[in-house]
């Protein structure tokens, strides 16, 4: 009986002793983003009616502290609309105080719609003269913004 069981297991490729399971730490600790906690909501056009508007993913991200400390935050302003690749406007911040008038050349004319993008990753996006190269794993959030404030 024992011999037939061993013979059956060996023919089927079975193993009597279970193998050790190795969990991928990088996959288990990857950050997640709750879109409902992103400010302002990326699901509507953000009207830039004051000089400074806060954009934030601080409450929306979840990961353990070690992973969170190692994240890269790269904010792009008007990247898709630009004729030339634009480097990140802000880096390393979960929350920015966005001064629309500081970007009036990118966001103008008043009333036009542009894009603010955030790339969150465990390694920085590479930026070259030909454009940006995003890492393999990243979180992407974008806001459509409309300049509604007159800037000097």
C-alpha atoms as a PDB file:
ATOM      1  CA  UNK A   1       0.000   0.000   0.000  1.00  0.00           C
ATOM      2  CA  UNK A   2       2.763   2.453   0.960  1.00  0.00           C
ATOM      3  CA  UNK A   3       4.740   1.529  -2.125  1.00  0.00           C
ATOM      4  CA  UNK A   4       1.746   2.181  -4.388  1.00  0.00           C
ATOM      5  CA  UNK A   5       1.146   5.609  -2.751  1.00  0.00           C
ATOM      6  CA  UNK A   6       4.800   6.625  -3.169  1.00  0.00           C
ATOM      7  CA  UNK A   7       4.763   5.332  -6.758  1.00  0.00           C
ATOM      8  CA  UNK A   8       1.556   7.274  -7.518  1.00  0.00           C
ATOM      9  CA  UNK A   9       2.948  10.484  -6.031  1.00  0.00           C
ATOM     10  CA  UNK A  10       6.223  10.193  -7.900  1.00  0.00           C
ATOM     11  CA  UNK A  11       4.430   9.604 -11.209  1.00  0.00           C
ATOM     12  CA  UNK A  12       2.132  12.595 -10.668  1.00  0.00           C
ATOM     13  CA  UNK A  13       4.997  14.873  -9.667  1.00  0.00           C
ATOM     14  CA  UNK A  14       3.549  15.231  -6.176  1.00  0.00           C
ATOM     15  CA  UNK A  15       5.593  15.939  -3.129  1.00  0.00           C
ATOM     16  CA  UNK A  16       4.933  14.511   0.300  1.00  0.00           C
ATOM     17  CA  UNK A  17       6.865  17.340   2.026  1.00  0.00           C
ATOM     18  CA  UNK A  18       5.367  20.797   1.303  1.00  0.00           C
ATOM     19  CA  UNK A  19       7.749  23.413  -0.035  1.00  0.00           C
ATOM     20  CA  UNK A  20       8.425  26.629   1.841  1.00  0.00           C
ATOM     21  CA  UNK A  21       6.439  29.630   0.605  1.00  0.00           C
ATOM     22  CA  UNK A  22       8.370  32.843  -0.048  1.00  0.00           C
ATOM     23  CA  UNK A  23       6.239  35.990  -0.136  1.00  0.00           C
ATOM     24  CA  UNK A  24       7.302  38.886  -2.336  1.00  0.00           C
ATOM     25  CA  UNK A  25       7.848  41.753   0.076  1.00  0.00           C
ATOM     26  CA  UNK A  26       7.783  44.423  -2.635  1.00  0.00           C
ATOM     27  CA  UNK A  27       4.364  43.310  -3.863  1.00  0.00           C
ATOM     28  CA  UNK A  28       2.883  43.121  -0.380  1.00  0.00           C
ATOM     29  CA  UNK A  29       4.078  46.575   0.683  1.00  0.00           C
ATOM     30  CA  UNK A  30       3.155  48.495  -2.463  1.00  0.00           C
ATOM     31  CA  UNK A  31       1.322  51.736  -1.707  1.00  0.00           C
ATOM     32  CA  UNK A  32      -2.335  52.116  -2.589  1.00  0.00           C
ATOM     33  CA  UNK A  33      -4.361  55.232  -3.317  1.00  0.00           C
ATOM     34  CA  UNK A  34      -7.986  55.912  -2.380  1.00  0.00           C
ATOM     35  CA  UNK A  35      -9.224  58.304  -5.094  1.00  0.00           C
ATOM     36  CA  UNK A  36     -12.101  59.465  -2.912  1.00  0.00           C
ATOM     37  CA  UNK A  37      -9.577  61.072  -0.518  1.00  0.00           C
ATOM     38  CA  UNK A  38      -7.594  62.976  -3.165  1.00  0.00           C
ATOM     39  CA  UNK A  39      -7.935  66.770  -2.895  1.00  0.00           C
ATOM     40  CA  UNK A  40      -9.351  68.386  -4.904  1.00  0.00           C
ATOM     41  CA  UNK A  41     -11.337  65.628  -6.567  1.00  0.00           C
ATOM     42  CA  UNK A  42      -9.657  64.497  -9.789  1.00  0.00           C
ATOM     43  CA  UNK A  43     -13.105  63.560 -11.127  1.00  0.00           C
ATOM     44  CA  UNK A  44     -14.080  67.131 -11.991  1.00  0.00           C
ATOM     45  CA  UNK A  45     -12.434  70.180 -13.551  1.00  0.00           C
ATOM     46  CA  UNK A  46     -10.668  72.243 -10.898  1.00  0.00           C
ATOM     47  CA  UNK A  47     -11.444  75.935 -11.363  1.00  0.00           C
ATOM     48  CA  UNK A  48      -8.354  77.915 -10.348  1.00  0.00           C
ATOM     49  CA  UNK A  49     -10.242  80.945  -8.995  1.00  0.00           C
ATOM     50  CA  UNK A  50      -7.641  81.988  -6.408  1.00  0.00           C
ATOM     51  CA  UNK A  51      -3.923  82.443  -6.690  1.00  0.00           C
ATOM     52  CA  UNK A  52      -3.128  79.402  -4.495  1.00  0.00           C
ATOM     53  CA  UNK A  53      -4.931  76.045  -4.584  1.00  0.00           C
ATOM     54  CA  UNK A  54      -3.937  73.015  -2.506  1.00  0.00           C
ATOM     55  CA  UNK A  55      -3.507  69.655  -4.240  1.00  0.00           C
ATOM     56  CA  UNK A  56      -2.931  66.638  -2.006  1.00  0.00           C
ATOM     57  CA  UNK A  57      -2.760  62.855  -1.875  1.00  0.00           C
ATOM     58  CA  UNK A  58      -1.537  62.755   1.744  1.00  0.00           C
ATOM     59  CA  UNK A  59      -4.777  61.290   3.158  1.00  0.00           C
ATOM     60  CA  UNK A  60      -5.323  59.090   0.095  1.00  0.00           C
ATOM     61  CA  UNK A  61      -2.103  57.043   0.250  1.00  0.00           C
ATOM     62  CA  UNK A  62      -1.672  53.998   2.419  1.00  0.00           C
ATOM     63  CA  UNK A  63       1.492  52.004   2.939  1.00  0.00           C
ATOM     64  CA  UNK A  64       3.724  51.135   5.847  1.00  0.00           C
ATOM     65  CA  UNK A  65       5.985  53.937   7.085  1.00  0.00           C
ATOM     66  CA  UNK A  66       9.164  52.530   5.545  1.00  0.00           C
ATOM     67  CA  UNK A  67       7.605  52.313   2.081  1.00  0.00           C
ATOM     68  CA  UNK A  68       5.959  55.745   2.450  1.00  0.00           C
ATOM     69  CA  UNK A  69       9.307  57.349   3.354  1.00  0.00           C
ATOM     70  CA  UNK A  70      10.892  55.955   0.191  1.00  0.00           C
ATOM     71  CA  UNK A  71       8.258  57.168  -2.282  1.00  0.00           C
ATOM     72  CA  UNK A  72       8.936  59.712  -5.011  1.00  0.00           C
ATOM     73  CA  UNK A  73       6.293  62.335  -5.797  1.00  0.00           C
ATOM     74  CA  UNK A  74       6.703  64.071  -9.155  1.00  0.00           C
ATOM     75  CA  UNK A  75       4.182  66.755 -10.121  1.00  0.00           C
ATOM     76  CA  UNK A  76       3.895  67.842 -13.764  1.00  0.00           C
ATOM     77  CA  UNK A  77       2.059  70.973 -14.905  1.00  0.00           C
ATOM     78  CA  UNK A  78       0.783  71.166 -18.482  1.00  0.00           C
ATOM     79  CA  UNK A  79       2.900  68.227 -19.633  1.00  0.00           C
ATOM     80  CA  UNK A  80       0.434  66.688 -22.130  1.00  0.00           C
ATOM     81  CA  UNK A  81      -0.443  70.071 -23.641  1.00  0.00           C
ATOM     82  CA  UNK A  82       3.148  71.261 -24.086  1.00  0.00           C
ATOM     83  CA  UNK A  83       4.990  71.126 -27.408  1.00  0.00           C
ATOM     84  CA  UNK A  84       8.220  70.369 -25.537  1.00  0.00           C
ATOM     85  CA  UNK A  85       8.630  67.921 -22.632  1.00  0.00           C
ATOM     86  CA  UNK A  86       8.433  69.708 -19.276  1.00  0.00           C
ATOM     87  CA  UNK A  87      10.333  68.415 -16.243  1.00  0.00           C
ATOM     88  CA  UNK A  88       8.532  67.938 -12.916  1.00  0.00           C
ATOM     89  CA  UNK A  89       7.422  71.248 -11.419  1.00  0.00           C
ATOM     90  CA  UNK A  90       7.474  69.854  -7.853  1.00  0.00           C
ATOM     91  CA  UNK A  91       9.134  66.823  -6.313  1.00  0.00           C
ATOM     92  CA  UNK A  92       9.042  65.028  -2.948  1.00  0.00           C
ATOM     93  CA  UNK A  93       5.723  66.452  -1.713  1.00  0.00           C
ATOM     94  CA  UNK A  94       2.424  64.660  -1.025  1.00  0.00           C
ATOM     95  CA  UNK A  95       0.747  68.073  -0.809  1.00  0.00           C
ATOM     96  CA  UNK A  96       1.500  71.188  -2.834  1.00  0.00           C
ATOM     97  CA  UNK A  97       0.284  74.760  -2.590  1.00  0.00           C
ATOM     98  CA  UNK A  98      -0.165  75.421  -6.296  1.00  0.00           C
ATOM     99  CA  UNK A  99       0.321  79.063  -7.285  1.00  0.00           C
ATOM    100  CA  UNK A 100      -1.522  79.423 -10.598  1.00  0.00           C
ATOM    101  CA  UNK A 101       0.154  82.748 -11.417  1.00  0.00           C
ATOM    102  CA  UNK A 102       3.602  81.149 -11.187  1.00  0.00           C
ATOM    103  CA  UNK A 103       2.517  78.923 -14.102  1.00  0.00           C
ATOM    104  CA  UNK A 104       0.529  81.500 -16.091  1.00  0.00           C
ATOM    105  CA  UNK A 105       2.726  80.911 -19.155  1.00  0.00           C
ATOM    106  CA  UNK A 106       1.891  77.185 -19.076  1.00  0.00           C
ATOM    107  CA  UNK A 107      -1.774  77.514 -18.014  1.00  0.00           C
ATOM    108  CA  UNK A 108      -2.766  80.567 -20.059  1.00  0.00           C
ATOM    109  CA  UNK A 109      -4.786  82.050 -21.532  1.00  0.00           C
ATOM    110  CA  UNK A 110      -7.448  82.583 -18.851  1.00  0.00           C
ATOM    111  CA  UNK A 111     -10.295  80.115 -19.356  1.00  0.00           C
ATOM    112  CA  UNK A 112      -8.209  77.393 -21.005  1.00  0.00           C
ATOM    113  CA  UNK A 113      -8.007  73.865 -19.593  1.00  0.00           C
ATOM    114  CA  UNK A 114      -4.724  72.113 -18.793  1.00  0.00           C
ATOM    115  CA  UNK A 115      -3.501  69.102 -16.837  1.00  0.00           C
ATOM    116  CA  UNK A 116      -1.696  68.702 -13.529  1.00  0.00           C
ATOM    117  CA  UNK A 117      -0.298  65.198 -13.107  1.00  0.00           C
ATOM    118  CA  UNK A 118       1.230  63.371 -10.159  1.00  0.00           C
ATOM    119  CA  UNK A 119       3.364  60.255 -10.493  1.00  0.00           C
ATOM    120  CA  UNK A 120       4.001  58.384  -7.220  1.00  0.00           C
ATOM    121  CA  UNK A 121       6.552  55.589  -7.354  1.00  0.00           C
ATOM    122  CA  UNK A 122       9.279  53.786  -5.457  1.00  0.00           C
ATOM    123  CA  UNK A 123      11.869  55.077  -7.928  1.00  0.00           C
ATOM    124  CA  UNK A 124      11.929  58.399  -9.773  1.00  0.00           C
ATOM    125  CA  UNK A 125      10.672  58.829 -13.290  1.00  0.00           C
ATOM    126  CA  UNK A 126      13.560  59.503 -15.638  1.00  0.00           C
ATOM    127  CA  UNK A 127      13.367  62.810 -17.473  1.00  0.00           C
ATOM    128  CA  UNK A 128      15.248  63.385 -20.707  1.00  0.00           C
ATOM    129  CA  UNK A 129      15.023  66.036 -23.423  1.00  0.00           C
ATOM    130  CA  UNK A 130      12.821  63.644 -25.425  1.00  0.00           C
ATOM    131  CA  UNK A 131      10.366  63.199 -22.540  1.00  0.00           C
ATOM    132  CA  UNK A 132       9.748  61.297 -19.337  1.00  0.00           C
ATOM    133  CA  UNK A 133      10.233  57.585 -18.823  1.00  0.00           C
ATOM    134  CA  UNK A 134       7.964  56.294 -16.067  1.00  0.00           C
ATOM    135  CA  UNK A 135       9.040  53.450 -13.774  1.00  0.00           C
ATOM    136  CA  UNK A 136       7.408  50.046 -14.170  1.00  0.00           C
ATOM    137  CA  UNK A 137       5.187  50.406 -11.082  1.00  0.00           C
ATOM    138  CA  UNK A 138       3.616  53.757 -10.268  1.00  0.00           C
ATOM    139  CA  UNK A 139       0.424  55.459  -9.147  1.00  0.00           C
ATOM    140  CA  UNK A 140      -0.919  58.134 -11.477  1.00  0.00           C
ATOM    141  CA  UNK A 141      -3.357  60.927 -10.640  1.00  0.00           C
ATOM    142  CA  UNK A 142      -4.324  63.776 -12.946  1.00  0.00           C
ATOM    143  CA  UNK A 143      -6.471  66.855 -12.583  1.00  0.00           C
ATOM    144  CA  UNK A 144      -7.975  68.948 -15.350  1.00  0.00           C
ATOM    145  CA  UNK A 145      -7.571  72.583 -14.290  1.00  0.00           C
ATOM    146  CA  UNK A 146      -9.008  75.771 -15.728  1.00  0.00           C
ATOM    147  CA  UNK A 147      -7.256  79.083 -15.082  1.00  0.00           C
ATOM    148  CA  UNK A 148      -9.862  81.573 -13.859  1.00  0.00           C
ATOM    149  CA  UNK A 149      -7.656  84.114 -12.075  1.00  0.00           C
ATOM    150  CA  UNK A 150      -6.071  87.173 -13.665  1.00  0.00           C
ATOM    151  CA  UNK A 151      -2.341  87.218 -13.012  1.00  0.00           C
ATOM    152  CA  UNK A 152      -0.064  90.283 -13.156  1.00  0.00           C
END
